[in-house]
Amino acid sequence: MPVSKSIAALIAGASLPPAFVLSVLLHELTHAITARLLGQTVSRVVVGEGRALVRFGRGPQIVIGRVVVGNGVTWVLDLERAGYRWRTCVTLLTAPLFSLFLAAAAWYASGGWGIAGRSAALTFAACNLVMAIITLLPMPTFGGRVWSDLASALFLIRASELEITDHMVLAVRDAMAVHIERGELEGAITVARAGVRVAPGSPLAHSLLAFALHTAGRHAEAGAVAQAALVREMSEADRAYLSRF
């Protein structure tokens, strides 16, 4: 192998981990910025997997996982029913398109660079291209456990009103978790109450509010919320959970 090709291969190998992490971070930050521009609330941006290695920021909180060369996710809260479907789809699909743009930009911009810069740029371009391809898969993968951005958008386009409501309540759960981890119990209660207003018929929404009140030491209020919710139809699992309060 010629010396120049050996150097290029070494640089590409050395730059692959940071290039991939940067690609994931930029992808997730694109979700976050788009969501903010559309009036949505971004509670957390996660890069990597496993136990949190670094946490910083508040709106949103940035979390770097211990296994940094891994997945990424952005937690978005939107409790405005009108326009929810299109706003969320735009937030989902902007990031893979930006990853494609970064891949093309790195490829063409580095055309006249030296071997070191060109190798690093091509590695960054490849990482962004992979990010775009993975997040534009049109269906869930790994038995439905992993949803790409496109698969999630297609689900929302076809979703029923009940499924849209459930999607919103799951975002309430995620936002609550961030507040509770920070010790912001009143913030968690406020978000949970908003979830109940959006989805008054959702057992999960009532369960989240009861849990937030219970965590804040407001046990009587948690019991009252659970008691009021128990008159509704729900699964035995939901009924058993609410009965604990």
Protein backbone atom coordinates (compact mmCIF):
# COMPACT_ATOMS: atom_id res chain seq x y z
CA MET A 1 0.00 0.00 0.00
CA PRO A 2 1.42 3.46 -0.90
CA VAL A 3 2.44 5.70 2.01
CA SER A 4 -0.26 8.27 1.17
CA LYS A 5 -2.98 5.62 1.31
CA SER A 6 -1.64 4.31 4.60
CA ILE A 7 -1.71 7.82 6.09
CA ALA A 8 -5.26 8.36 4.79
CA ALA A 9 -6.41 5.08 6.32
CA LEU A 10 -4.83 5.92 9.69
CA ILE A 11 -6.42 9.38 9.76
CA ALA A 12 -9.79 7.98 8.75
CA GLY A 13 -9.62 5.37 11.51
CA ALA A 14 -8.56 7.89 14.14
CA SER A 15 -11.22 10.42 13.14
CA LEU A 16 -14.09 7.90 12.89
CA PRO A 17 -15.22 7.92 16.58
CA PRO A 18 -15.24 11.73 17.01
CA ALA A 19 -16.76 12.17 13.54
CA PHE A 20 -19.61 9.81 14.35
CA VAL A 21 -20.28 11.41 17.74
CA LEU A 22 -20.29 14.86 16.13
CA SER A 23 -22.63 13.62 13.40
CA VAL A 24 -25.10 12.30 15.98
CA LEU A 25 -24.85 15.49 18.06
CA LEU A 26 -25.48 17.75 15.06
CA HIS A 27 -28.38 15.54 13.96
CA GLU A 28 -30.03 15.74 17.39
CA LEU A 29 -29.36 19.47 17.73
CA THR A 30 -31.11 19.96 14.40
CA HIS A 31 -34.17 18.25 15.89
CA ALA A 32 -33.90 20.52 18.92
CA ILE A 33 -33.45 23.77 16.98
CA THR A 34 -36.31 22.93 14.62
CA ALA A 35 -38.58 22.10 17.54
CA ARG A 36 -37.76 25.37 19.28
CA LEU A 37 -38.44 27.34 16.09
CA LEU A 38 -41.85 25.65 15.84
CA GLY A 39 -42.73 26.54 19.42
CA GLN A 40 -42.17 23.11 20.91
CA THR A 41 -40.33 22.49 24.18
CA VAL A 42 -37.10 20.49 24.10
CA SER A 43 -36.39 18.89 27.46
CA ARG A 44 -33.37 16.71 26.68
CA VAL A 45 -30.89 15.84 23.93
CA VAL A 46 -29.10 12.52 24.40
CA VAL A 47 -25.98 11.41 22.52
CA GLY A 48 -24.71 7.89 23.15
CA GLU A 49 -26.08 5.13 25.30
CA GLY A 50 -25.76 3.73 28.80
CA ARG A 51 -25.31 5.63 32.05
CA ALA A 52 -24.90 9.39 31.67
CA LEU A 53 -21.27 10.44 31.52
CA VAL A 54 -21.88 14.19 31.25
CA ARG A 55 -24.97 16.37 31.78
CA PHE A 56 -25.08 20.09 31.10
CA GLY A 57 -27.57 22.78 30.17
CA ARG A 58 -31.20 23.17 31.14
CA GLY A 59 -33.27 24.11 28.14
CA PRO A 60 -32.54 21.57 26.77
CA GLN A 61 -30.39 19.39 28.98
CA ILE A 62 -27.58 17.76 26.98
CA VAL A 63 -26.67 14.24 28.09
CA ILE A 64 -23.62 12.34 26.82
CA GLY A 65 -23.87 8.60 27.45
CA ARG A 66 -21.00 6.47 28.66
CA VAL A 67 -20.99 4.62 25.31
CA VAL A 68 -20.64 7.74 23.19
CA VAL A 69 -20.50 5.94 19.83
CA GLY A 70 -24.14 4.97 19.92
CA ASN A 71 -27.68 6.17 19.46
CA GLY A 72 -29.11 9.66 19.88
CA VAL A 73 -32.53 10.98 20.84
CA THR A 74 -34.22 14.33 21.38
CA TRP A 75 -37.13 14.63 23.83
CA VAL A 76 -39.72 17.11 22.56
CA LEU A 77 -42.86 18.21 24.41
CA ASP A 78 -45.77 19.68 22.45
CA LEU A 79 -49.16 19.92 24.14
CA GLU A 80 -50.89 22.02 21.48
CA ARG A 81 -53.24 19.65 19.65
CA ALA A 82 -53.85 21.92 16.64
CA GLY A 83 -51.05 21.35 14.16
CA TYR A 84 -49.32 18.75 16.32
CA ARG A 85 -49.03 16.25 13.50
CA TRP A 86 -47.30 18.53 10.99
CA ARG A 87 -45.05 20.24 13.57
CA THR A 88 -43.75 16.94 14.86
CA CYS A 89 -43.20 15.55 11.36
CA VAL A 90 -41.21 18.65 10.37
CA THR A 91 -39.12 18.32 13.54
CA LEU A 92 -38.46 14.67 12.75
CA LEU A 93 -37.56 15.04 9.08
CA THR A 94 -35.40 18.17 9.17
CA ALA A 95 -32.53 16.36 10.89
CA PRO A 96 -31.93 13.56 8.34
CA LEU A 97 -32.09 16.14 5.54
CA PHE A 98 -29.49 18.23 7.35
CA SER A 99 -27.32 15.12 7.78
CA LEU A 100 -27.49 14.62 4.00
CA PHE A 101 -26.52 18.25 3.48
CA LEU A 102 -23.53 17.91 5.83
CA ALA A 103 -22.38 14.77 4.02
CA ALA A 104 -22.49 16.52 0.64
CA ALA A 105 -20.92 19.71 1.99
CA ALA A 106 -18.00 17.87 3.61
CA TRP A 107 -17.42 15.85 0.44
CA TYR A 108 -17.35 18.79 -1.96
CA ALA A 109 -15.75 21.40 0.31
CA SER A 110 -12.72 19.22 1.04
CA GLY A 111 -11.94 18.48 -2.60
CA GLY A 112 -8.79 20.61 -2.64
CA TRP A 113 -7.58 19.88 0.88
CA GLY A 114 -4.45 17.99 1.81
CA ILE A 115 -4.51 14.29 2.56
CA ALA A 116 -5.07 14.71 6.30
CA GLY A 117 -7.93 17.18 6.02
CA ARG A 118 -9.51 15.35 3.08
CA SER A 119 -9.45 11.99 4.91
CA ALA A 120 -11.01 13.46 8.04
CA ALA A 121 -13.63 15.32 5.99
CA LEU A 122 -14.57 12.21 4.02
CA THR A 123 -14.92 10.27 7.27
CA PHE A 124 -17.24 12.98 8.62
CA ALA A 125 -19.18 12.91 5.33
CA ALA A 126 -19.56 9.12 5.55
CA CYS A 127 -20.80 9.32 9.14
CA ASN A 128 -23.44 11.87 8.20
CA LEU A 129 -24.49 9.80 5.21
CA VAL A 130 -24.91 6.76 7.45
CA MET A 131 -26.95 8.87 9.91
CA ALA A 132 -29.21 10.03 7.09
CA ILE A 133 -29.72 6.52 5.73
CA ILE A 134 -30.48 5.01 9.13
CA THR A 135 -32.94 7.76 10.07
CA LEU A 136 -34.70 7.61 6.70
CA LEU A 137 -35.57 3.94 6.86
CA PRO A 138 -39.33 3.78 6.19
CA MET A 139 -40.13 1.18 8.83
CA PRO A 140 -39.24 0.27 12.44
CA THR A 141 -36.32 -2.12 12.82
CA PHE A 142 -35.14 -4.71 15.34
CA GLY A 143 -38.62 -6.07 15.87
CA GLY A 144 -40.17 -2.61 16.19
CA ARG A 145 -37.84 -1.52 19.01
CA VAL A 146 -36.03 1.12 16.92
CA TRP A 147 -37.95 3.79 15.02
CA SER A 148 -36.22 5.97 12.44
CA ASP A 149 -37.23 9.59 11.96
CA LEU A 150 -39.10 8.71 8.76
CA ALA A 151 -40.81 5.70 10.33
CA SER A 152 -41.98 7.90 13.23
CA ALA A 153 -43.24 10.57 10.83
CA LEU A 154 -45.14 8.01 8.75
CA PHE A 155 -46.74 6.67 11.93
CA LEU A 156 -47.90 10.15 12.94
CA ILE A 157 -49.28 10.90 9.47
CA ARG A 158 -51.45 7.76 9.67
CA ALA A 159 -52.16 7.88 13.41
CA SER A 160 -55.65 8.08 14.85
CA GLU A 161 -56.63 10.86 17.26
CA LEU A 162 -56.22 8.43 20.16
CA GLU A 163 -52.72 7.48 19.00
CA ILE A 164 -51.78 11.15 18.68
CA THR A 165 -52.98 11.74 22.25
CA ASP A 166 -50.99 8.76 23.51
CA HIS A 167 -47.91 10.14 21.73
CA MET A 168 -48.33 13.47 23.52
CA VAL A 169 -48.74 11.79 26.91
CA LEU A 170 -45.53 9.80 26.41
CA ALA A 171 -43.73 13.10 25.81
CA VAL A 172 -45.21 14.35 29.11
CA ARG A 173 -43.67 11.32 30.82
CA ASP A 174 -40.24 12.11 29.38
CA ALA A 175 -40.43 15.79 30.35
CA MET A 176 -41.53 14.83 33.87
CA ALA A 177 -38.53 12.53 34.22
CA VAL A 178 -36.17 15.43 33.46
CA HIS A 179 -37.85 17.68 36.04
CA ILE A 180 -37.78 14.97 38.72
CA GLU A 181 -34.11 14.17 38.10
CA ARG A 182 -33.31 17.85 38.64
CA GLY A 183 -35.40 17.98 41.81
CA GLU A 184 -37.89 20.34 40.15
CA LEU A 185 -40.96 18.63 41.58
CA GLU A 186 -43.33 21.54 41.04
CA GLY A 187 -42.25 21.64 37.41
CA ALA A 188 -43.01 17.93 37.10
CA ILE A 189 -46.48 18.48 38.61
CA THR A 190 -47.17 21.38 36.23
CA VAL A 191 -46.24 19.28 33.19
CA ALA A 192 -48.32 16.34 34.48
CA ARG A 193 -51.38 18.57 35.00
CA ALA A 194 -51.00 19.85 31.45
CA GLY A 195 -50.93 16.24 30.27
CA VAL A 196 -54.22 15.51 32.05
CA ARG A 197 -55.81 18.59 30.45
CA VAL A 198 -54.72 17.42 26.99
CA ALA A 199 -55.71 13.77 27.57
CA PRO A 200 -58.38 13.63 30.32
CA GLY A 201 -59.32 10.10 29.29
CA SER A 202 -55.79 8.70 29.46
CA PRO A 203 -55.04 6.46 32.46
CA LEU A 204 -51.33 7.11 31.91
CA ALA A 205 -51.83 10.88 32.16
CA HIS A 206 -53.59 10.48 35.51
CA SER A 207 -50.96 8.00 36.68
CA LEU A 208 -48.20 10.48 35.85
CA LEU A 209 -49.92 13.23 37.80
CA ALA A 210 -50.49 10.95 40.79
CA PHE A 211 -46.84 9.88 40.69
CA ALA A 212 -45.59 13.49 40.48
CA LEU A 213 -47.75 14.53 43.45
CA HIS A 214 -46.70 11.47 45.44
CA THR A 215 -43.02 12.15 44.71
CA ALA A 216 -43.49 15.73 45.95
CA GLY A 217 -44.93 14.41 49.22
CA ARG A 218 -48.46 15.54 48.40
CA HIS A 219 -49.96 12.15 49.14
CA ALA A 220 -53.55 13.24 49.75
CA GLU A 221 -53.68 15.01 46.38
CA ALA A 222 -52.12 11.98 44.68
CA GLY A 223 -54.79 9.77 46.22
CA ALA A 224 -57.56 12.12 45.10
CA VAL A 225 -56.26 12.11 41.52
CA ALA A 226 -56.07 8.31 41.53
CA GLN A 227 -59.55 7.97 43.06
CA ALA A 228 -61.08 10.25 40.44
CA ALA A 229 -59.35 8.36 37.63
CA LEU A 230 -60.42 4.92 38.87
CA VAL A 231 -64.05 5.55 37.88
CA ARG A 232 -62.97 5.46 34.22
CA GLU A 233 -62.56 2.39 32.07
CA MET A 234 -58.98 1.15 31.98
CA SER A 235 -56.88 -1.99 31.86
CA GLU A 236 -56.33 -4.03 35.00
CA ALA A 237 -52.66 -3.06 34.97
CA ASP A 238 -53.54 0.66 34.95
CA ARG A 239 -56.15 0.11 37.67
CA ALA A 240 -53.66 -1.77 39.85
CA TYR A 241 -51.08 1.01 39.48
CA LEU A 242 -53.47 3.82 40.34
CA SER A 243 -54.83 1.86 43.29
CA ARG A 244 -51.39 2.08 44.91
CA PHE A 245 -51.96 5.78 45.57
